[in-house]
Amino acid sequence: MSTYTQVELNGLYELTEEARAELTGSKYYNKDLEPSSISQRTWTTYNITALWIGMCICIPSLSLASAAIALGLSPWLAVFNVILGNLIILVPMQLNSHAGTKYGIPFPIFARLTFGAIGAHVPSVLRGLVACGWTSVQAWVGGGAVAALLGILIPFFSDPTITIGLPGNPAVVVGQVIGFFLFMLFVLWVAYNGFENIKWVQNIGSPILVIVIVLLFAWSVAQVHGAGIGAFEVMSQPNDWAALEANGGMFYVFAACLTSNIAFWATMALNIPDFSRYAKSQRVQFRGQLYGMPIPMFIMAFIGAYFAQATKLTMGEAMFDPTNVFYHVDNAFVIFVCAIGVILATITTCVAANVVAPANGFSNLSPGRISYKKGVVITCIIACFVMQPWWIYGSGAAYIFTWLNNYGIVLAPVAAIFVADYYICKKRRMDVASLYAGDQGRYWYKGGVNWAAVIAWVAAFILPLLGNTVFLYDGGTPNLLDNISANGYIFSFIVGIIVYMVFMKLPSFALNSNITEEEEIAMTRR
């Protein structure tokens, strides 16, 4: 390898051309996984803010507060829960985005720094599978909007009274399933053709969805007004203590909802380097996330809570999925505009937050054989035929307890281990070329796996995951394990850091993966 393998300019690093040329023959390197050059880091604060606004403005964001209402929390407490969870997850997200901006590396390569070249498949595949689930959920939501359009053209698909001799509403379900697959084809096309299509769809879809959200709010206000309830009375409703007690009590429900709200962006806390690697500076990526995530999530939480509470007051039950409103609106033009907005904005979130990471992750499994585009195809196939959105997004309880909490518990220690390794062990110094050098690089550890990271990951999530899946809460007062599971993300995060740091103090695990300041200067041309 050349004497100088990387170049530094204003705190940003890139590989030298000589280092890139020498790495092209490595099976751990391909064009999709290579670090971005400094000239490619062009995203401004506005671009990152707009990206986050586009990702936040989606139906599942509304459903966070709606689910909390359904479980018994008051509207304002549900909103507070959403915002608190988002502010908490913003911390590891900001910390892990630093490496992407500084070194231009995508998430799968960042994972090699901590888990090793082979061990990096663990967080990459984990994040990828969760993202496939989210892709499926988002496609189900977007498919509902497509089904609404089908219902305009073919009323059969929008009539909830047609049962054709089967239980439920098969006509509506058939439309939803058709819409799901059509939406997945659109997702495949946008993601397959790269980041420029993400920007294009985002620029069109986000403004339209703002109109949709306003119309949803207006519909909610109209519902309570028609029932003789004051518009301002909706958000002043107290906790539903009967519902809270039925679901485990105030503390248990609040903690479980908080964990789910943290977990909502837990995937992005891992693969944020996929996006921060294009930022012009650390200040840009920091401000873009700070401006683009909390404020839109507050707005979405407020409207989601208002919508759910309004339906609870007027229909007797909090409506969980806002797309069900399509079946309560008679105006075809309004349905058309709203459905288009939902489709375009859901595409933005689906592709940016959920397809890019698994596509890169699957590419990382075999960089020489699987390109980013092949990774996109694999992601869409798994989302279509393996995941079951009607199960994980079927109700507020399933959304909170079964989906968000469980995967949040598993992903939390990965984010924690990244933070501990990059900031405490590696002291924010990295030999980028070694990340692509396989067993010739300093991050090979033992057989390509840093077992300290793997052990810390398993040790951190096993207890709360068992409590959330095996020893399920079965009524009454939640026990200690139930409460650990309800606070699973924070518990797993803290345990992950502690266990990892303990193991990395042992000589057999460290294996000289760290570089000193003098070594960094020797390999870097400034």
Protein backbone atom coordinates (compact mmCIF):
# COMPACT_ATOMS: atom_id res chain seq x y z
CA MET A 1 0.00 0.00 0.00
CA SER A 2 1.22 3.53 -0.73
CA THR A 3 2.76 5.59 2.07
CA TYR A 4 -0.16 8.01 2.00
CA THR A 5 -3.52 6.25 1.83
CA GLN A 6 -5.81 9.16 2.66
CA VAL A 7 -6.05 12.91 2.20
CA GLU A 8 -7.47 15.40 4.73
CA LEU A 9 -9.05 18.75 3.89
CA ASN A 10 -10.83 20.87 6.51
CA GLY A 11 -11.52 17.85 8.69
CA LEU A 12 -12.82 15.68 5.83
CA TYR A 13 -10.88 12.61 4.68
CA GLU A 14 -10.82 10.70 1.40
CA LEU A 15 -8.77 7.87 -0.06
CA THR A 16 -5.89 8.79 -2.33
CA GLU A 17 -6.20 7.71 -5.95
CA GLU A 18 -3.27 5.33 -5.42
CA ALA A 19 -5.01 3.67 -2.47
CA ARG A 20 -8.27 3.32 -4.43
CA ALA A 21 -6.41 1.72 -7.33
CA GLU A 22 -4.70 -0.79 -5.04
CA LEU A 23 -8.00 -1.74 -3.38
CA THR A 24 -10.00 -2.37 -6.54
CA GLY A 25 -8.82 -5.98 -6.64
CA SER A 26 -10.04 -6.69 -3.10
CA LYS A 27 -13.20 -8.76 -2.71
CA TYR A 28 -14.17 -6.38 0.10
CA TYR A 29 -14.39 -3.40 -2.25
CA ASN A 30 -16.78 -2.31 -4.96
CA LYS A 31 -17.92 1.00 -6.43
CA ASP A 32 -21.17 1.06 -4.41
CA LEU A 33 -19.34 0.64 -1.09
CA GLU A 34 -16.36 2.89 -1.75
CA PRO A 35 -16.01 6.02 0.40
CA SER A 36 -17.30 9.23 -1.10
CA SER A 37 -14.70 11.73 -2.26
CA ILE A 38 -14.62 15.20 -0.76
CA SER A 39 -15.95 16.60 -4.03
CA GLN A 40 -19.00 14.31 -3.73
CA ARG A 41 -19.90 15.69 -0.30
CA THR A 42 -22.21 18.39 -1.56
CA TRP A 43 -25.31 18.08 0.64
CA THR A 44 -26.11 21.28 2.52
CA THR A 45 -28.09 21.82 5.71
CA TYR A 46 -31.13 22.44 3.53
CA ASN A 47 -30.72 19.13 1.65
CA ILE A 48 -30.42 17.10 4.85
CA THR A 49 -33.27 18.98 6.52
CA ALA A 50 -35.48 18.40 3.48
CA LEU A 51 -34.54 14.72 3.45
CA TRP A 52 -35.56 14.36 7.10
CA ILE A 53 -38.79 16.26 6.63
CA GLY A 54 -39.61 13.95 3.74
CA MET A 55 -38.89 10.89 5.88
CA CYS A 56 -40.81 12.18 8.92
CA ILE A 57 -43.95 13.11 7.02
CA CYS A 58 -45.43 9.66 6.60
CA ILE A 59 -48.40 7.68 7.84
CA PRO A 60 -46.44 5.51 10.32
CA SER A 61 -45.26 8.74 12.01
CA LEU A 62 -48.89 9.66 12.64
CA SER A 63 -49.54 6.17 13.97
CA LEU A 64 -47.02 6.53 16.82
CA ALA A 65 -49.26 8.91 18.77
CA SER A 66 -52.40 7.17 17.51
CA ALA A 67 -51.21 3.87 18.98
CA ALA A 68 -50.45 5.53 22.32
CA ILE A 69 -53.99 6.96 22.40
CA ALA A 70 -55.40 3.51 21.66
CA LEU A 71 -53.44 2.11 24.62
CA GLY A 72 -54.86 4.75 26.98
CA LEU A 73 -52.49 7.73 27.08
CA SER A 74 -53.95 11.23 26.96
CA PRO A 75 -53.35 13.23 23.76
CA TRP A 76 -50.70 15.56 25.18
CA LEU A 77 -48.93 12.73 27.00
CA ALA A 78 -48.86 10.77 23.73
CA VAL A 79 -47.30 13.77 21.95
CA PHE A 80 -44.74 14.23 24.72
CA ASN A 81 -43.88 10.53 24.52
CA VAL A 82 -43.20 10.77 20.78
CA ILE A 83 -41.01 13.87 21.11
CA LEU A 84 -39.04 12.50 24.05
CA GLY A 85 -38.34 9.28 22.16
CA ASN A 86 -37.18 11.17 19.08
CA LEU A 87 -34.87 13.43 21.07
CA ILE A 88 -33.33 10.40 22.77
CA ILE A 89 -32.64 8.56 19.50
CA LEU A 90 -31.22 11.76 18.01
CA VAL A 91 -28.20 11.38 20.34
CA PRO A 92 -26.78 8.09 18.97
CA MET A 93 -27.85 9.17 15.49
CA GLN A 94 -25.78 12.36 15.68
CA LEU A 95 -22.85 10.50 17.19
CA ASN A 96 -22.79 7.78 14.52
CA SER A 97 -23.24 10.21 11.65
CA HIS A 98 -19.87 11.83 12.44
CA ALA A 99 -17.82 9.00 10.90
CA GLY A 100 -19.81 9.11 7.67
CA THR A 101 -19.13 12.80 7.15
CA LYS A 102 -15.49 12.68 8.25
CA TYR A 103 -14.45 9.63 6.22
CA GLY A 104 -17.19 9.31 3.57
CA ILE A 105 -17.90 5.66 4.40
CA PRO A 106 -21.33 4.00 4.14
CA PHE A 107 -22.88 2.04 6.99
CA PRO A 108 -21.67 -1.50 6.07
CA ILE A 109 -18.08 -0.23 5.97
CA PHE A 110 -18.51 1.64 9.25
CA ALA A 111 -19.69 -1.65 10.75
CA ARG A 112 -16.38 -3.29 9.72
CA LEU A 113 -14.53 -0.85 11.97
CA THR A 114 -16.20 -2.36 15.04
CA PHE A 115 -17.38 -5.86 14.11
CA GLY A 116 -14.65 -6.82 11.63
CA ALA A 117 -14.90 -7.44 7.89
CA ILE A 118 -16.89 -10.68 8.35
CA GLY A 119 -18.59 -9.74 11.61
CA ALA A 120 -20.00 -6.62 9.93
CA HIS A 121 -22.52 -8.89 8.24
CA VAL A 122 -24.31 -9.17 11.61
CA PRO A 123 -25.37 -5.49 11.93
CA SER A 124 -25.73 -5.13 8.15
CA VAL A 125 -28.11 -8.07 7.82
CA LEU A 126 -29.97 -7.14 11.01
CA ARG A 127 -30.53 -3.61 9.82
CA GLY A 128 -31.38 -4.95 6.40
CA LEU A 129 -34.05 -7.36 7.64
CA VAL A 130 -35.66 -4.70 9.82
CA ALA A 131 -35.60 -2.34 6.85
CA CYS A 132 -37.27 -5.00 4.72
CA GLY A 133 -40.02 -5.13 7.35
CA TRP A 134 -40.37 -1.35 7.22
CA THR A 135 -40.39 -1.43 3.43
CA SER A 136 -43.25 -3.88 3.66
CA VAL A 137 -45.14 -1.70 6.17
CA GLN A 138 -44.60 1.44 4.10
CA ALA A 139 -45.69 -0.41 0.97
CA TRP A 140 -48.84 -1.54 2.79
CA VAL A 141 -49.58 2.09 3.70
CA GLY A 142 -48.79 3.28 0.19
CA GLY A 143 -50.78 0.36 -1.16
CA GLY A 144 -53.78 1.60 0.81
CA ALA A 145 -53.53 4.87 -1.10
CA VAL A 146 -53.22 3.01 -4.39
CA ALA A 147 -56.28 0.99 -3.38
CA ALA A 148 -58.16 4.24 -2.78
CA LEU A 149 -57.36 5.28 -6.36
CA LEU A 150 -58.54 1.87 -7.58
CA GLY A 151 -61.72 2.40 -5.59
CA ILE A 152 -62.41 5.60 -7.53
CA LEU A 153 -62.11 3.76 -10.84
CA ILE A 154 -63.68 0.51 -9.65
CA PRO A 155 -66.12 1.11 -6.75
CA PHE A 156 -66.07 -2.62 -5.96
CA PHE A 157 -62.66 -2.17 -4.27
CA SER A 158 -63.83 0.65 -1.98
CA ASP A 159 -67.09 -0.79 -0.75
CA PRO A 160 -66.61 -2.19 2.79
CA THR A 161 -70.05 -3.84 2.64
CA ILE A 162 -69.06 -6.32 -0.07
CA THR A 163 -68.04 -9.59 1.57
CA ILE A 164 -68.55 -11.97 -1.40
CA GLY A 165 -69.43 -14.77 0.97
CA LEU A 166 -66.27 -14.54 3.07
CA PRO A 167 -65.63 -13.04 6.54
CA GLY A 168 -64.33 -9.48 6.74
CA ASN A 169 -64.30 -7.14 3.73
CA PRO A 170 -62.59 -9.13 0.95
CA ALA A 171 -63.32 -6.54 -1.73
CA VAL A 172 -61.41 -3.89 0.23
CA VAL A 173 -58.64 -6.36 1.13
CA VAL A 174 -58.18 -7.43 -2.50
CA GLY A 175 -57.78 -3.77 -3.48
CA GLN A 176 -55.25 -3.29 -0.66
CA VAL A 177 -53.21 -6.32 -1.79
CA ILE A 178 -53.21 -5.19 -5.43
CA GLY A 179 -52.20 -1.71 -4.29
CA PHE A 180 -49.41 -3.20 -2.15
CA PHE A 181 -47.76 -4.95 -5.10
CA LEU A 182 -48.19 -1.98 -7.43
CA PHE A 183 -46.61 0.28 -4.83
CA MET A 184 -43.70 -2.13 -4.39
CA LEU A 185 -43.02 -1.94 -8.12
CA PHE A 186 -42.81 1.86 -7.84
CA VAL A 187 -40.44 1.52 -4.86
CA LEU A 188 -38.26 -0.85 -6.89
CA TRP A 189 -38.08 1.56 -9.82
CA VAL A 190 -37.18 4.62 -7.70
CA ALA A 191 -34.57 2.84 -5.54
CA TYR A 192 -33.04 0.96 -8.48
CA ASN A 193 -32.31 4.19 -10.30
CA GLY A 194 -30.48 5.82 -7.37
CA PHE A 195 -30.39 8.91 -5.20
CA GLU A 196 -31.45 11.43 -7.82
CA ASN A 197 -34.86 9.77 -8.00
CA ILE A 198 -35.13 10.05 -4.21
CA LYS A 199 -34.63 13.81 -4.49
CA TRP A 200 -37.06 14.07 -7.42
CA VAL A 201 -39.87 12.21 -5.65
CA GLN A 202 -39.16 14.05 -2.41
CA ASN A 203 -39.46 17.46 -4.07
CA ILE A 204 -42.87 16.55 -5.50
CA GLY A 205 -44.31 14.37 -2.75
CA SER A 206 -43.51 16.31 0.42
CA PRO A 207 -45.50 19.48 -0.45
CA ILE A 208 -48.51 17.40 -1.51
CA LEU A 209 -48.46 15.35 1.69
CA VAL A 210 -48.44 18.55 3.73
CA ILE A 211 -51.82 19.26 2.13
CA VAL A 212 -52.94 15.72 2.96
CA ILE A 213 -51.98 16.12 6.61
CA VAL A 214 -53.83 19.42 6.82
CA LEU A 215 -56.91 17.78 5.28
CA LEU A 216 -56.68 14.90 7.78
CA PHE A 217 -56.60 17.42 10.61
CA ALA A 218 -59.52 19.32 9.09
CA TRP A 219 -61.48 16.06 8.76
CA SER A 220 -60.81 15.30 12.45
CA VAL A 221 -62.01 18.76 13.48
CA ALA A 222 -65.12 18.34 11.33
CA GLN A 223 -65.85 14.98 12.96
CA VAL A 224 -65.84 16.36 16.50
CA HIS A 225 -67.72 19.49 15.44
CA GLY A 226 -70.44 17.34 13.89
CA ALA A 227 -70.71 15.44 17.17
CA GLY A 228 -71.14 18.67 19.12
CA ILE A 229 -67.67 18.50 20.72
CA GLY A 230 -65.50 21.59 20.84
CA ALA A 231 -62.35 21.42 18.71
CA PHE A 232 -60.17 22.44 21.68
CA GLU A 233 -61.68 19.78 23.93
CA VAL A 234 -60.04 16.96 21.98
CA MET A 235 -56.47 17.53 23.18
CA SER A 236 -57.60 18.23 26.75
CA GLN A 237 -58.96 14.71 27.25
CA PRO A 238 -57.47 12.83 30.24
CA ASN A 239 -55.81 9.43 30.31
CA ASP A 240 -58.09 6.48 29.69
CA TRP A 241 -57.32 4.74 32.98
CA ALA A 242 -59.37 1.65 32.14
CA ALA A 243 -57.40 1.12 28.92
CA LEU A 244 -54.11 1.79 30.72
CA GLU A 245 -54.88 -0.77 33.42
CA ALA A 246 -55.93 -3.32 30.81
CA ASN A 247 -52.58 -2.86 29.06
CA GLY A 248 -50.35 -3.04 32.15
CA GLY A 249 -50.68 0.30 33.88
CA MET A 250 -49.51 3.84 33.33
CA PHE A 251 -45.76 3.31 33.78
CA TYR A 252 -45.66 0.16 31.67
CA VAL A 253 -47.60 1.68 28.76
CA PHE A 254 -45.65 4.95 28.83
CA ALA A 255 -42.31 3.09 28.91
CA ALA A 256 -43.32 0.70 26.12
CA CYS A 257 -44.51 3.59 23.95
CA LEU A 258 -41.28 5.49 24.66
CA THR A 259 -39.20 2.47 23.63
CA SER A 260 -41.22 2.17 20.43
CA ASN A 261 -40.74 5.86 19.66
CA ILE A 262 -37.00 5.54 20.18
CA ALA A 263 -37.01 2.40 18.02
CA PHE A 264 -38.89 4.19 15.22
CA TRP A 265 -35.60 5.71 14.04
CA ALA A 266 -33.32 3.03 15.54
CA THR A 267 -32.46 1.79 12.07
CA MET A 268 -31.36 5.27 10.99
CA ALA A 269 -29.18 5.51 14.12
CA LEU A 270 -27.18 2.68 12.57
CA ASN A 271 -27.06 3.50 8.86
CA ILE A 272 -27.00 7.30 9.14
CA PRO A 273 -23.48 7.24 7.58
CA ASP A 274 -25.18 6.21 4.31
CA PHE A 275 -26.48 9.79 4.17
CA SER A 276 -24.06 11.83 6.29
CA ARG A 277 -21.25 10.70 3.95
CA TYR A 278 -22.58 13.23 1.42
CA ALA A 279 -22.66 16.20 3.85
CA LYS A 280 -20.35 19.15 3.21
CA SER A 281 -19.28 19.38 6.85
CA GLN A 282 -19.99 18.16 10.37
CA ARG A 283 -21.92 21.35 11.09
CA VAL A 284 -24.12 20.72 8.05
CA GLN A 285 -25.05 17.16 9.02
CA PHE A 286 -25.59 18.13 12.67
CA ARG A 287 -27.88 21.06 11.89
CA GLY A 288 -29.70 19.23 9.11
CA GLN A 289 -30.76 16.46 11.49
CA LEU A 290 -31.49 18.84 14.36
CA TYR A 291 -33.77 21.00 12.21
CA GLY A 292 -35.26 18.24 10.09
CA MET A 293 -36.34 15.60 12.59
CA PRO A 294 -37.78 16.87 15.94
CA ILE A 295 -40.05 19.64 14.62
CA PRO A 296 -41.79 17.57 11.87
CA MET A 297 -42.16 14.67 14.32
CA PHE A 298 -43.87 17.00 16.82
CA ILE A 299 -46.33 18.14 14.14
CA MET A 300 -47.01 14.57 13.08
CA ALA A 301 -47.46 13.47 16.70
CA PHE A 302 -49.91 16.30 17.39
CA ILE A 303 -52.03 15.56 14.34
CA GLY A 304 -51.86 11.80 14.96
CA ALA A 305 -52.99 12.28 18.56
CA TYR A 306 -55.77 14.68 17.56
CA PHE A 307 -56.97 12.32 14.84
CA ALA A 308 -56.98 9.26 17.13
CA GLN A 309 -58.69 11.07 20.00
CA ALA A 310 -61.27 12.58 17.64
CA THR A 311 -62.18 9.15 16.29
CA LYS A 312 -62.28 7.78 19.83
CA LEU A 313 -64.75 10.48 20.88
CA THR A 314 -66.96 10.20 17.80
CA MET A 315 -66.69 6.50 16.87
CA GLY A 316 -66.04 4.92 20.25
CA GLU A 317 -62.59 3.60 19.30
CA ALA A 318 -59.33 5.33 18.41
CA MET A 319 -58.62 4.81 14.70
CA PHE A 320 -55.03 3.59 14.39
CA ASP A 321 -54.30 3.76 10.65
CA PRO A 322 -55.13 7.15 9.06
CA THR A 323 -55.46 5.60 5.59
CA ASN A 324 -58.78 4.11 6.79
CA VAL A 325 -60.16 7.63 6.45
CA PHE A 326 -60.30 7.04 2.69
CA TYR A 327 -63.34 4.82 3.33
CA HIS A 328 -65.14 7.63 5.20
CA VAL A 329 -64.77 10.32 2.50
CA ASP A 330 -67.29 10.61 -0.35
CA ASN A 331 -65.50 13.22 -2.46
CA ALA A 332 -63.55 11.48 -5.26
CA PHE A 333 -61.38 14.54 -5.97
CA VAL A 334 -60.28 14.81 -2.33
CA ILE A 335 -59.51 11.09 -2.24
CA PHE A 336 -57.48 11.41 -5.46
CA VAL A 337 -55.34 14.33 -4.22
CA CYS A 338 -54.78 12.80 -0.79
CA ALA A 339 -53.93 9.36 -2.20
CA ILE A 340 -51.36 10.84 -4.61
CA GLY A 341 -49.78 12.77 -1.73
CA VAL A 342 -49.60 9.67 0.46
CA ILE A 343 -48.08 7.63 -2.37
CA LEU A 344 -45.35 10.13 -3.27
CA ALA A 345 -44.37 10.99 0.30
CA THR A 346 -44.40 7.36 1.39
CA ILE A 347 -42.06 6.57 -1.50
CA THR A 348 -39.57 9.11 -0.10
CA THR A 349 -39.51 7.55 3.34
CA CYS A 350 -39.63 4.01 2.05
CA VAL A 351 -36.65 4.38 -0.27
CA ALA A 352 -34.46 6.76 1.74
CA ALA A 353 -34.97 5.23 5.18
CA ASN A 354 -35.65 1.59 4.35
CA VAL A 355 -34.34 0.43 0.96
CA VAL A 356 -30.90 2.07 0.74
CA ALA A 357 -29.49 0.42 3.88
CA PRO A 358 -30.45 -3.21 3.15
CA ALA A 359 -29.39 -2.79 -0.48
CA ASN A 360 -25.93 -1.71 0.71
CA GLY A 361 -25.99 -4.38 3.42
CA PHE A 362 -26.74 -7.20 1.01
CA SER A 363 -24.07 -5.82 -1.33
CA ASN A 364 -21.62 -6.01 1.57
CA LEU A 365 -22.25 -9.78 1.88
CA SER A 366 -20.46 -10.29 -1.42
CA PRO A 367 -19.24 -6.97 -2.90
CA GLY A 368 -17.85 -8.66 -6.00
CA ARG A 369 -21.16 -10.33 -6.89
CA ILE A 370 -23.91 -8.18 -5.41
CA SER A 371 -24.15 -4.56 -6.50
CA TYR A 372 -26.36 -1.92 -4.91
CA LYS A 373 -28.97 -2.46 -7.63
CA LYS A 374 -29.04 -6.21 -7.01
CA GLY A 375 -29.38 -5.40 -3.31
CA VAL A 376 -32.44 -3.29 -4.10
CA VAL A 377 -34.05 -6.23 -5.91
CA ILE A 378 -33.31 -8.59 -3.00
CA THR A 379 -34.77 -6.09 -0.53
CA CYS A 380 -37.99 -5.71 -2.50
CA ILE A 381 -38.41 -9.47 -2.91
CA ILE A 382 -38.06 -10.05 0.85
CA ALA A 383 -40.42 -7.15 1.61
CA CYS A 384 -43.01 -8.52 -0.83
CA PHE A 385 -42.99 -12.19 -0.06
CA VAL A 386 -41.46 -12.74 3.40
CA MET A 387 -42.62 -9.89 5.64
CA GLN A 388 -46.26 -9.62 6.74
CA PRO A 389 -47.36 -5.99 7.13
CA TRP A 390 -50.93 -6.97 8.00
CA TRP A 391 -49.47 -8.61 11.12
CA ILE A 392 -46.89 -6.07 12.33
CA TYR A 393 -49.05 -3.07 11.38
CA GLY A 394 -52.42 -4.63 12.12
CA SER A 395 -53.18 -2.75 15.34
CA GLY A 396 -51.72 -0.21 17.73
CA ALA A 397 -50.67 -2.93 20.19
CA ALA A 398 -49.00 -5.01 17.46
CA TYR A 399 -47.23 -1.90 16.12
CA ILE A 400 -45.89 -0.94 19.57
CA PHE A 401 -45.20 -4.24 21.31
CA THR A 402 -44.64 -6.76 18.52
CA TRP A 403 -42.81 -4.70 15.91
CA LEU A 404 -41.16 -1.52 17.21
CA ASN A 405 -40.17 -2.75 20.67
CA ASN A 406 -38.74 -6.08 19.59
CA TYR A 407 -36.50 -4.83 16.80
CA GLY A 408 -35.54 -1.76 18.86
CA ILE A 409 -34.27 -4.02 21.63
CA VAL A 410 -32.10 -5.96 19.15
CA LEU A 411 -30.68 -2.92 17.35
CA ALA A 412 -30.00 -0.75 20.43
CA PRO A 413 -26.74 -2.45 21.48
CA VAL A 414 -25.39 -2.22 17.92
CA ALA A 415 -25.73 1.58 18.00
CA ALA A 416 -24.23 1.62 21.50
CA ILE A 417 -21.24 -0.50 20.47
CA PHE A 418 -20.60 1.75 17.45
CA VAL A 419 -20.55 4.82 19.71
CA ALA A 420 -18.27 3.20 22.30
CA ASP A 421 -15.84 1.91 19.69
CA TYR A 422 -15.59 5.02 17.52
CA TYR A 423 -15.40 7.60 20.29
CA ILE A 424 -13.73 5.76 23.19
CA CYS A 425 -11.67 2.98 21.62
CA LYS A 426 -10.76 4.47 18.24
CA LYS A 427 -10.85 8.11 19.39
CA ARG A 428 -12.46 9.09 16.04
CA ARG A 429 -9.37 7.97 14.09
CA MET A 430 -9.68 5.53 11.23
CA ASP A 431 -7.48 3.81 8.64
CA VAL A 432 -10.02 3.84 5.81
CA ALA A 433 -7.99 1.70 3.41
CA SER A 434 -7.80 -1.08 6.03
CA LEU A 435 -11.59 -1.32 6.05
CA TYR A 436 -11.40 -2.67 2.49
CA ALA A 437 -8.21 -4.75 2.88
CA GLY A 438 -9.72 -7.86 4.48
CA ASP A 439 -7.20 -9.98 6.38
CA GLN A 440 -4.44 -7.59 5.31
CA GLY A 441 -5.99 -4.72 7.28
CA ARG A 442 -5.89 -3.80 10.94
CA TYR A 443 -9.65 -4.36 11.43
CA TRP A 444 -9.62 -8.08 10.69
CA TYR A 445 -9.63 -9.02 14.39
CA LYS A 446 -9.94 -12.85 14.76
CA GLY A 447 -10.97 -14.53 11.53
CA GLY A 448 -12.66 -11.34 10.39
CA VAL A 449 -14.86 -11.05 13.51
CA ASN A 450 -14.52 -8.84 16.59
CA TRP A 451 -16.03 -11.24 19.10
CA ALA A 452 -16.14 -8.53 21.77
CA ALA A 453 -18.78 -6.74 19.69
CA VAL A 454 -20.77 -9.92 19.00
CA ILE A 455 -20.76 -10.99 22.66
CA ALA A 456 -21.72 -7.50 23.85
CA TRP A 457 -24.57 -7.37 21.34
CA VAL A 458 -26.08 -10.70 22.42
CA ALA A 459 -25.56 -10.03 26.14
CA ALA A 460 -27.32 -6.67 25.86
CA PHE A 461 -30.51 -7.70 24.08
CA ILE A 462 -31.15 -11.25 25.28
CA LEU A 463 -32.90 -10.46 28.58
CA PRO A 464 -35.36 -7.77 27.39
CA LEU A 465 -36.08 -9.69 24.18
CA LEU A 466 -36.93 -12.83 26.14
CA GLY A 467 -39.18 -10.77 28.36
CA ASN A 468 -40.94 -9.31 25.34
CA THR A 469 -41.39 -12.53 23.40
CA VAL A 470 -41.22 -15.60 25.65
CA PHE A 471 -42.47 -14.33 29.00
CA LEU A 472 -45.19 -12.20 27.49
CA TYR A 473 -47.12 -9.77 29.66
CA ASP A 474 -50.32 -11.63 30.50
CA GLY A 475 -52.33 -9.10 32.49
CA GLY A 476 -52.13 -7.90 36.05
CA THR A 477 -49.18 -5.95 37.40
CA PRO A 478 -46.10 -6.14 35.15
CA ASN A 479 -43.15 -7.91 36.79
CA LEU A 480 -39.49 -6.88 36.73
CA LEU A 481 -38.80 -8.59 33.40
CA ASP A 482 -41.87 -6.95 31.84
CA ASN A 483 -40.58 -3.54 32.91
CA ILE A 484 -37.08 -4.26 31.62
CA SER A 485 -38.61 -5.17 28.27
CA ALA A 486 -40.78 -2.05 28.26
CA ASN A 487 -37.58 -0.01 28.68
CA GLY A 488 -35.72 -2.35 26.36
CA TYR A 489 -33.93 0.14 24.08
CA ILE A 490 -32.33 2.13 26.89
CA PHE A 491 -31.52 -1.03 28.88
CA SER A 492 -29.88 -2.74 25.88
CA PHE A 493 -28.00 0.42 24.89
CA ILE A 494 -26.42 0.86 28.33
CA VAL A 495 -25.58 -2.82 28.77
CA GLY A 496 -24.09 -2.93 25.26
CA ILE A 497 -21.65 -0.10 26.01
CA ILE A 498 -20.60 -1.55 29.37
CA VAL A 499 -20.04 -5.11 28.16
CA TYR A 500 -18.20 -3.98 25.03
CA MET A 501 -15.82 -1.73 26.93
CA VAL A 502 -15.07 -4.49 29.45
CA PHE A 503 -14.18 -6.97 26.71
CA MET A 504 -12.15 -4.46 24.69
CA LYS A 505 -9.93 -3.95 27.72
CA LEU A 506 -8.81 -7.55 27.35
CA PRO A 507 -5.64 -7.92 25.19
CA SER A 508 -7.03 -10.90 23.28
CA PHE A 509 -9.90 -8.78 21.88
CA ALA A 510 -8.20 -5.42 21.17
CA LEU A 511 -5.69 -6.88 18.64
CA ASN A 512 -4.13 -3.48 17.89
CA SER A 513 -7.12 -2.24 15.88
CA ASN A 514 -6.66 1.30 17.15
CA ILE A 515 -4.35 3.82 15.51
CA THR A 516 -2.39 6.53 17.26
CA GLU A 517 -2.36 10.17 16.27
CA GLU A 518 1.20 9.71 14.98
CA GLU A 519 0.13 6.80 12.77
CA GLU A 520 -2.76 8.82 11.40
CA ILE A 521 -0.42 11.67 10.49
CA ALA A 522 1.93 9.21 8.79
CA MET A 523 -0.83 7.82 6.53
CA THR A 524 -2.57 11.13 5.80
CA ARG A 525 -1.52 13.84 3.35
CA ARG A 526 -2.81 17.25 4.44
